[in-house]
Amino acid sequence: MNLRLLALARGVHDLRSLDAERPGGLPVAVWHGLLTEDRVDLAPFRQPGSDRWRSGSGLPLGPLAALQLHTTNANPLIEGKSHSPLCRHAHERAVVAGDDLLTVADLMARTDFDWCNKCGGHAVRRLTCSQLSYYRAAHRLHDIKRRLDGGTRTPDTDSSTVSARLEELAAWQPVDGEQWCSSDSWQWQDTIRELRHKAGRSHAATGPGAPAS
């Protein structure tokens, strides 16, 4: 029964319409199938900075831009921290009609949230196939950039290894029929071209024919 309810609920655009406070609402297990308490690491999508360990890669949000986040309070003018609807501080009540709905794009555009330290302040709707695939691809690309920016020659920054990985990432496409926005695709490919060039320069600088320091 729970699996059937989960399949039906996944098709609902706004989970607040399912209002967990209504009589006969969804079982808790179904809510845990709709939402995840894991925090989304948005480092690849932040802008580059001077601290290479905290710096982002400026990647486009792509399919993640519309990823939904549910929170008990997204209004900075209302006193009190924001909680995930699954947080014990929110009595693990799941999503109700009065909760706030945000997207990852909203999250990246604002800095005025007062998040709960325990739950992170929101629950993320479980990713679609394309969102999960892109999230993993973006983290792979971000890791390549971070390693190349580090300037240390390792097997992971070998020119042929990096080239092979970048070829795979250059071919990324949505896997469930979603559209890959042309501007996002261009930005993605531009980052890959930049990293190919950087990998080539790094190989030339550290290769057998490089001048001794």
C-alpha atoms as a PDB file:
ATOM      1  CA  MET A   1       0.000   0.000   0.000  1.00  0.00           C
ATOM      2  CA  ASN A   2       2.794   2.447   0.912  1.00  0.00           C
ATOM      3  CA  LEU A   3       4.519   1.868  -2.432  1.00  0.00           C
ATOM      4  CA  ARG A   4       1.293   2.625  -4.283  1.00  0.00           C
ATOM      5  CA  LEU A   5       0.765   5.798  -2.254  1.00  0.00           C
ATOM      6  CA  LEU A   6       4.381   6.814  -2.875  1.00  0.00           C
ATOM      7  CA  ALA A   7       4.007   6.324  -6.639  1.00  0.00           C
ATOM      8  CA  LEU A   8       0.893   8.505  -6.670  1.00  0.00           C
ATOM      9  CA  ALA A   9       2.360  11.188  -4.392  1.00  0.00           C
ATOM     10  CA  ARG A  10       5.490  11.541  -6.523  1.00  0.00           C
ATOM     11  CA  GLY A  11       3.323  12.980  -9.286  1.00  0.00           C
ATOM     12  CA  VAL A  12       2.109  15.841  -7.074  1.00  0.00           C
ATOM     13  CA  HIS A  13       3.843  19.112  -7.965  1.00  0.00           C
ATOM     14  CA  ASP A  14       3.427  20.812  -4.573  1.00  0.00           C
ATOM     15  CA  LEU A  15       3.602  18.464  -1.606  1.00  0.00           C
ATOM     16  CA  ARG A  16       1.902  21.051   0.585  1.00  0.00           C
ATOM     17  CA  SER A  17      -1.357  20.094  -1.109  1.00  0.00           C
ATOM     18  CA  LEU A  18      -1.066  16.701   0.614  1.00  0.00           C
ATOM     19  CA  ASP A  19      -1.103  18.505   4.006  1.00  0.00           C
ATOM     20  CA  ALA A  20       0.097  16.035   6.630  1.00  0.00           C
ATOM     21  CA  GLU A  21      -2.259  17.570   9.195  1.00  0.00           C
ATOM     22  CA  ARG A  22      -5.352  16.471   7.302  1.00  0.00           C
ATOM     23  CA  PRO A  23      -7.154  13.416   8.693  1.00  0.00           C
ATOM     24  CA  GLY A  24      -6.130  10.239   6.905  1.00  0.00           C
ATOM     25  CA  GLY A  25      -2.890  11.748   5.626  1.00  0.00           C
ATOM     26  CA  LEU A  26       0.074   9.861   4.211  1.00  0.00           C
ATOM     27  CA  PRO A  27       1.979   7.472   6.483  1.00  0.00           C
ATOM     28  CA  VAL A  28       5.353   8.693   7.771  1.00  0.00           C
ATOM     29  CA  ALA A  29       7.151   6.062   5.665  1.00  0.00           C
ATOM     30  CA  VAL A  30       5.716   7.599   2.497  1.00  0.00           C
ATOM     31  CA  TRP A  31       6.897  11.073   3.498  1.00  0.00           C
ATOM     32  CA  HIS A  32      10.394   9.697   3.977  1.00  0.00           C
ATOM     33  CA  GLY A  33      10.135   8.303   0.451  1.00  0.00           C
ATOM     34  CA  LEU A  34       9.197  11.735  -0.903  1.00  0.00           C
ATOM     35  CA  LEU A  35      11.789  13.770   1.002  1.00  0.00           C
ATOM     36  CA  THR A  36      15.388  13.251   2.014  1.00  0.00           C
ATOM     37  CA  GLU A  37      17.078  14.672   5.087  1.00  0.00           C
ATOM     38  CA  ASP A  38      20.469  14.564   3.351  1.00  0.00           C
ATOM     39  CA  ARG A  39      21.896  18.004   2.673  1.00  0.00           C
ATOM     40  CA  VAL A  40      22.647  18.969  -0.912  1.00  0.00           C
ATOM     41  CA  ASP A  41      26.278  20.007  -1.460  1.00  0.00           C
ATOM     42  CA  LEU A  42      26.099  23.045  -3.744  1.00  0.00           C
ATOM     43  CA  ALA A  43      29.861  23.739  -3.858  1.00  0.00           C
ATOM     44  CA  PRO A  44      30.167  23.078  -7.640  1.00  0.00           C
ATOM     45  CA  PHE A  45      27.592  25.801  -8.350  1.00  0.00           C
ATOM     46  CA  ARG A  46      29.089  28.563  -6.195  1.00  0.00           C
ATOM     47  CA  GLN A  47      31.299  31.166  -7.785  1.00  0.00           C
ATOM     48  CA  PRO A  48      35.102  30.722  -7.692  1.00  0.00           C
ATOM     49  CA  GLY A  49      36.950  32.391  -4.819  1.00  0.00           C
ATOM     50  CA  SER A  50      40.432  32.802  -3.403  1.00  0.00           C
ATOM     51  CA  ASP A  51      40.147  29.840  -1.003  1.00  0.00           C
ATOM     52  CA  ARG A  52      40.528  26.827  -3.286  1.00  0.00           C
ATOM     53  CA  TRP A  53      39.044  24.442  -0.708  1.00  0.00           C
ATOM     54  CA  ARG A  54      35.837  26.483  -0.354  1.00  0.00           C
ATOM     55  CA  SER A  55      35.802  27.935  -3.842  1.00  0.00           C
ATOM     56  CA  GLY A  56      33.098  26.871  -6.282  1.00  0.00           C
ATOM     57  CA  SER A  57      33.363  26.104  -9.970  1.00  0.00           C
ATOM     58  CA  GLY A  58      30.577  28.413 -11.142  1.00  0.00           C
ATOM     59  CA  LEU A  59      28.712  25.543 -12.828  1.00  0.00           C
ATOM     60  CA  PRO A  60      25.129  26.110 -13.966  1.00  0.00           C
ATOM     61  CA  LEU A  61      22.388  24.711 -11.734  1.00  0.00           C
ATOM     62  CA  GLY A  62      20.832  23.081 -14.787  1.00  0.00           C
ATOM     63  CA  PRO A  63      18.186  20.508 -13.810  1.00  0.00           C
ATOM     64  CA  LEU A  64      18.851  21.248 -10.127  1.00  0.00           C
ATOM     65  CA  ALA A  65      17.520  24.813 -10.376  1.00  0.00           C
ATOM     66  CA  ALA A  66      13.939  23.621  -9.878  1.00  0.00           C
ATOM     67  CA  LEU A  67      14.754  21.065  -7.166  1.00  0.00           C
ATOM     68  CA  GLN A  68      12.263  21.683  -4.357  1.00  0.00           C
ATOM     69  CA  LEU A  69      13.063  22.332  -0.697  1.00  0.00           C
ATOM     70  CA  HIS A  70      10.458  22.353   2.063  1.00  0.00           C
ATOM     71  CA  THR A  71      10.932  24.390   5.231  1.00  0.00           C
ATOM     72  CA  THR A  72       8.823  25.485   8.164  1.00  0.00           C
ATOM     73  CA  ASN A  73       9.867  29.123   7.723  1.00  0.00           C
ATOM     74  CA  ALA A  74      11.596  30.899   4.842  1.00  0.00           C
ATOM     75  CA  ASN A  75      10.611  34.405   5.963  1.00  0.00           C
ATOM     76  CA  PRO A  76      13.462  36.229   7.769  1.00  0.00           C
ATOM     77  CA  LEU A  77      10.928  38.632   9.297  1.00  0.00           C
ATOM     78  CA  ILE A  78       9.290  35.803  11.249  1.00  0.00           C
ATOM     79  CA  GLU A  79      11.186  35.004  14.435  1.00  0.00           C
ATOM     80  CA  GLY A  80      12.528  31.505  14.877  1.00  0.00           C
ATOM     81  CA  LYS A  81      14.802  29.145  13.018  1.00  0.00           C
ATOM     82  CA  SER A  82      13.748  27.307   9.879  1.00  0.00           C
ATOM     83  CA  HIS A  83      13.363  23.557  10.224  1.00  0.00           C
ATOM     84  CA  SER A  84      12.898  20.592   7.969  1.00  0.00           C
ATOM     85  CA  PRO A  85       9.339  19.241   8.231  1.00  0.00           C
ATOM     86  CA  LEU A  86      11.013  15.952   9.257  1.00  0.00           C
ATOM     87  CA  CYS A  87      13.097  17.566  12.033  1.00  0.00           C
ATOM     88  CA  ARG A  88      12.313  16.612  15.629  1.00  0.00           C
ATOM     89  CA  HIS A  89      12.133  20.332  16.419  1.00  0.00           C
ATOM     90  CA  ALA A  90       9.185  20.454  14.004  1.00  0.00           C
ATOM     91  CA  HIS A  91       7.795  17.330  15.704  1.00  0.00           C
ATOM     92  CA  GLU A  92       8.561  15.291  12.572  1.00  0.00           C
ATOM     93  CA  ARG A  93       5.128  16.223  11.285  1.00  0.00           C
ATOM     94  CA  ALA A  94       5.987  16.101   7.542  1.00  0.00           C
ATOM     95  CA  VAL A  95       4.845  18.792   5.078  1.00  0.00           C
ATOM     96  CA  VAL A  96       1.772  20.843   5.965  1.00  0.00           C
ATOM     97  CA  ALA A  97      -0.158  23.459   4.022  1.00  0.00           C
ATOM     98  CA  GLY A  98       1.478  26.376   5.850  1.00  0.00           C
ATOM     99  CA  ASP A  99       5.076  25.381   5.090  1.00  0.00           C
ATOM    100  CA  ASP A 100       7.262  27.296   2.655  1.00  0.00           C
ATOM    101  CA  LEU A 101       8.393  25.918  -0.692  1.00  0.00           C
ATOM    102  CA  LEU A 102      11.730  26.974  -2.172  1.00  0.00           C
ATOM    103  CA  THR A 103      13.878  25.831  -5.049  1.00  0.00           C
ATOM    104  CA  VAL A 104      17.643  25.419  -5.160  1.00  0.00           C
ATOM    105  CA  ALA A 105      17.750  28.538  -7.343  1.00  0.00           C
ATOM    106  CA  ASP A 106      16.013  30.448  -4.518  1.00  0.00           C
ATOM    107  CA  LEU A 107      18.464  29.022  -2.016  1.00  0.00           C
ATOM    108  CA  MET A 108      21.480  30.147  -4.043  1.00  0.00           C
ATOM    109  CA  ALA A 109      20.070  33.659  -4.445  1.00  0.00           C
ATOM    110  CA  ARG A 110      19.534  34.375  -0.741  1.00  0.00           C
ATOM    111  CA  THR A 111      21.715  34.602   2.366  1.00  0.00           C
ATOM    112  CA  ASP A 112      19.126  35.641   4.968  1.00  0.00           C
ATOM    113  CA  PHE A 113      17.918  32.228   6.125  1.00  0.00           C
ATOM    114  CA  ASP A 114      18.203  31.218   9.790  1.00  0.00           C
ATOM    115  CA  TRP A 115      18.606  27.459   9.480  1.00  0.00           C
ATOM    116  CA  CYS A 116      18.366  24.868  12.250  1.00  0.00           C
ATOM    117  CA  ASN A 117      21.852  23.513  12.983  1.00  0.00           C
ATOM    118  CA  LYS A 118      20.555  19.976  13.396  1.00  0.00           C
ATOM    119  CA  CYS A 119      18.519  19.479  10.219  1.00  0.00           C
ATOM    120  CA  GLY A 120      19.935  22.223   7.996  1.00  0.00           C
ATOM    121  CA  GLY A 121      16.594  24.029   7.956  1.00  0.00           C
ATOM    122  CA  HIS A 122      14.892  22.226   5.091  1.00  0.00           C
ATOM    123  CA  ALA A 123      14.089  18.859   3.556  1.00  0.00           C
ATOM    124  CA  VAL A 124      14.911  18.194  -0.080  1.00  0.00           C
ATOM    125  CA  ARG A 125      12.451  16.540  -2.400  1.00  0.00           C
ATOM    126  CA  ARG A 126      14.004  13.357  -3.758  1.00  0.00           C
ATOM    127  CA  LEU A 127      15.866  13.977  -6.982  1.00  0.00           C
ATOM    128  CA  THR A 128      14.633  12.856 -10.381  1.00  0.00           C
ATOM    129  CA  CYS A 129      16.903  10.662 -12.506  1.00  0.00           C
ATOM    130  CA  SER A 130      18.232  13.684 -14.430  1.00  0.00           C
ATOM    131  CA  GLN A 131      18.761  15.741 -11.284  1.00  0.00           C
ATOM    132  CA  LEU A 132      20.704  12.949  -9.586  1.00  0.00           C
ATOM    133  CA  SER A 133      22.755  12.243 -12.714  1.00  0.00           C
ATOM    134  CA  TYR A 134      23.611  15.930 -13.121  1.00  0.00           C
ATOM    135  CA  TYR A 135      24.425  16.347  -9.417  1.00  0.00           C
ATOM    136  CA  ARG A 136      26.970  13.532  -9.658  1.00  0.00           C
ATOM    137  CA  ALA A 137      28.414  14.818 -12.940  1.00  0.00           C
ATOM    138  CA  ALA A 138      28.794  18.350 -11.527  1.00  0.00           C
ATOM    139  CA  HIS A 139      30.650  17.032  -8.489  1.00  0.00           C
ATOM    140  CA  ARG A 140      32.977  15.036 -10.738  1.00  0.00           C
ATOM    141  CA  LEU A 141      33.731  18.141 -12.798  1.00  0.00           C
ATOM    142  CA  HIS A 142      34.208  20.243  -9.666  1.00  0.00           C
ATOM    143  CA  ASP A 143      36.639  17.663  -8.278  1.00  0.00           C
ATOM    144  CA  ILE A 144      38.699  17.736 -11.496  1.00  0.00           C
ATOM    145  CA  LYS A 145      38.850  21.546 -11.345  1.00  0.00           C
ATOM    146  CA  ARG A 146      39.849  21.522  -7.686  1.00  0.00           C
ATOM    147  CA  ARG A 147      42.649  19.028  -8.319  1.00  0.00           C
ATOM    148  CA  LEU A 148      43.970  20.941 -11.320  1.00  0.00           C
ATOM    149  CA  ASP A 149      43.831  24.221  -9.396  1.00  0.00           C
ATOM    150  CA  GLY A 150      45.868  22.549  -6.660  1.00  0.00           C
ATOM    151  CA  GLY A 151      48.790  22.271  -9.077  1.00  0.00           C
ATOM    152  CA  THR A 152      50.026  18.922  -7.718  1.00  0.00           C
ATOM    153  CA  ARG A 153      50.737  16.181 -10.241  1.00  0.00           C
ATOM    154  CA  THR A 154      48.931  12.963  -9.251  1.00  0.00           C
ATOM    155  CA  PRO A 155      47.508   9.998 -11.193  1.00  0.00           C
ATOM    156  CA  ASP A 156      44.142  11.796 -11.002  1.00  0.00           C
ATOM    157  CA  THR A 157      45.540  14.862 -12.772  1.00  0.00           C
ATOM    158  CA  ASP A 158      47.436  12.957 -15.450  1.00  0.00           C
ATOM    159  CA  SER A 159      46.563  14.512 -18.803  1.00  0.00           C
ATOM    160  CA  SER A 160      45.202  11.314 -20.363  1.00  0.00           C
ATOM    161  CA  THR A 161      43.139  10.482 -17.264  1.00  0.00           C
ATOM    162  CA  VAL A 162      41.656  13.984 -17.088  1.00  0.00           C
ATOM    163  CA  SER A 163      40.968  14.012 -20.830  1.00  0.00           C
ATOM    164  CA  ALA A 164      39.076  10.721 -20.633  1.00  0.00           C
ATOM    165  CA  ARG A 165      36.964  11.937 -17.715  1.00  0.00           C
ATOM    166  CA  LEU A 166      36.229  15.246 -19.404  1.00  0.00           C
ATOM    167  CA  GLU A 167      35.150  13.421 -22.578  1.00  0.00           C
ATOM    168  CA  GLU A 168      32.593  11.494 -20.518  1.00  0.00           C
ATOM    169  CA  LEU A 169      31.337  14.633 -18.819  1.00  0.00           C
ATOM    170  CA  ALA A 170      31.142  16.584 -22.094  1.00  0.00           C
ATOM    171  CA  ALA A 171      28.627  14.030 -23.331  1.00  0.00           C
ATOM    172  CA  TRP A 172      26.277  14.438 -20.358  1.00  0.00           C
ATOM    173  CA  GLN A 173      22.600  14.719 -21.270  1.00  0.00           C
ATOM    174  CA  PRO A 174      19.386  14.533 -19.202  1.00  0.00           C
ATOM    175  CA  VAL A 175      18.383  10.908 -18.795  1.00  0.00           C
ATOM    176  CA  ASP A 176      14.610  11.182 -18.365  1.00  0.00           C
ATOM    177  CA  GLY A 177      13.405  13.508 -21.087  1.00  0.00           C
ATOM    178  CA  GLU A 178      14.050  16.811 -19.302  1.00  0.00           C
ATOM    179  CA  GLN A 179      15.423  19.685 -21.369  1.00  0.00           C
ATOM    180  CA  TRP A 180      19.097  20.684 -21.117  1.00  0.00           C
ATOM    181  CA  CYS A 181      18.845  24.489 -21.360  1.00  0.00           C
ATOM    182  CA  SER A 182      21.035  25.809 -24.181  1.00  0.00           C
ATOM    183  CA  SER A 183      22.704  28.470 -21.992  1.00  0.00           C
ATOM    184  CA  ASP A 184      23.419  25.893 -19.267  1.00  0.00           C
ATOM    185  CA  SER A 185      24.794  23.463 -21.839  1.00  0.00           C
ATOM    186  CA  TRP A 186      27.057  26.164 -23.266  1.00  0.00           C
ATOM    187  CA  GLN A 187      28.355  27.083 -19.787  1.00  0.00           C
ATOM    188  CA  TRP A 188      28.974  23.395 -19.004  1.00  0.00           C
ATOM    189  CA  GLN A 189      30.917  22.873 -22.223  1.00  0.00           C
ATOM    190  CA  ASP A 190      32.868  26.107 -21.689  1.00  0.00           C
ATOM    191  CA  THR A 191      34.027  24.866 -18.275  1.00  0.00           C
ATOM    192  CA  ILE A 192      35.124  21.588 -19.820  1.00  0.00           C
ATOM    193  CA  ARG A 193      37.091  23.402 -22.546  1.00  0.00           C
ATOM    194  CA  GLU A 194      38.783  25.500 -19.856  1.00  0.00           C
ATOM    195  CA  LEU A 195      39.761  22.405 -17.881  1.00  0.00           C
ATOM    196  CA  ARG A 196      41.077  20.655 -20.991  1.00  0.00           C
ATOM    197  CA  HIS A 197      43.318  23.659 -21.630  1.00  0.00           C
ATOM    198  CA  LYS A 198      44.409  23.763 -17.988  1.00  0.00           C
ATOM    199  CA  ALA A 199      45.182  20.034 -17.983  1.00  0.00           C
ATOM    200  CA  GLY A 200      47.291  20.462 -21.119  1.00  0.00           C
ATOM    201  CA  ARG A 201      49.263  23.318 -19.578  1.00  0.00           C
ATOM    202  CA  SER A 202      49.760  21.380 -16.353  1.00  0.00           C
ATOM    203  CA  HIS A 203      51.103  18.395 -18.307  1.00  0.00           C
ATOM    204  CA  ALA A 204      53.484  20.609 -20.270  1.00  0.00           C
ATOM    205  CA  ALA A 205      54.728  22.283 -17.102  1.00  0.00           C
ATOM    206  CA  THR A 206      55.356  19.042 -15.202  1.00  0.00           C
ATOM    207  CA  GLY A 207      56.172  16.632 -18.021  1.00  0.00           C
ATOM    208  CA  PRO A 208      59.565  15.106 -18.785  1.00  0.00           C
ATOM    209  CA  GLY A 209      60.615  18.041 -20.952  1.00  0.00           C
ATOM    210  CA  ALA A 210      59.664  20.697 -18.424  1.00  0.00           C
ATOM    211  CA  PRO A 211      62.442  22.946 -17.100  1.00  0.00           C
ATOM    212  CA  ALA A 212      63.681  22.214 -13.613  1.00  0.00           C
ATOM    213  CA  SER A 213      62.517  24.597 -10.913  1.00  0.00           C
END
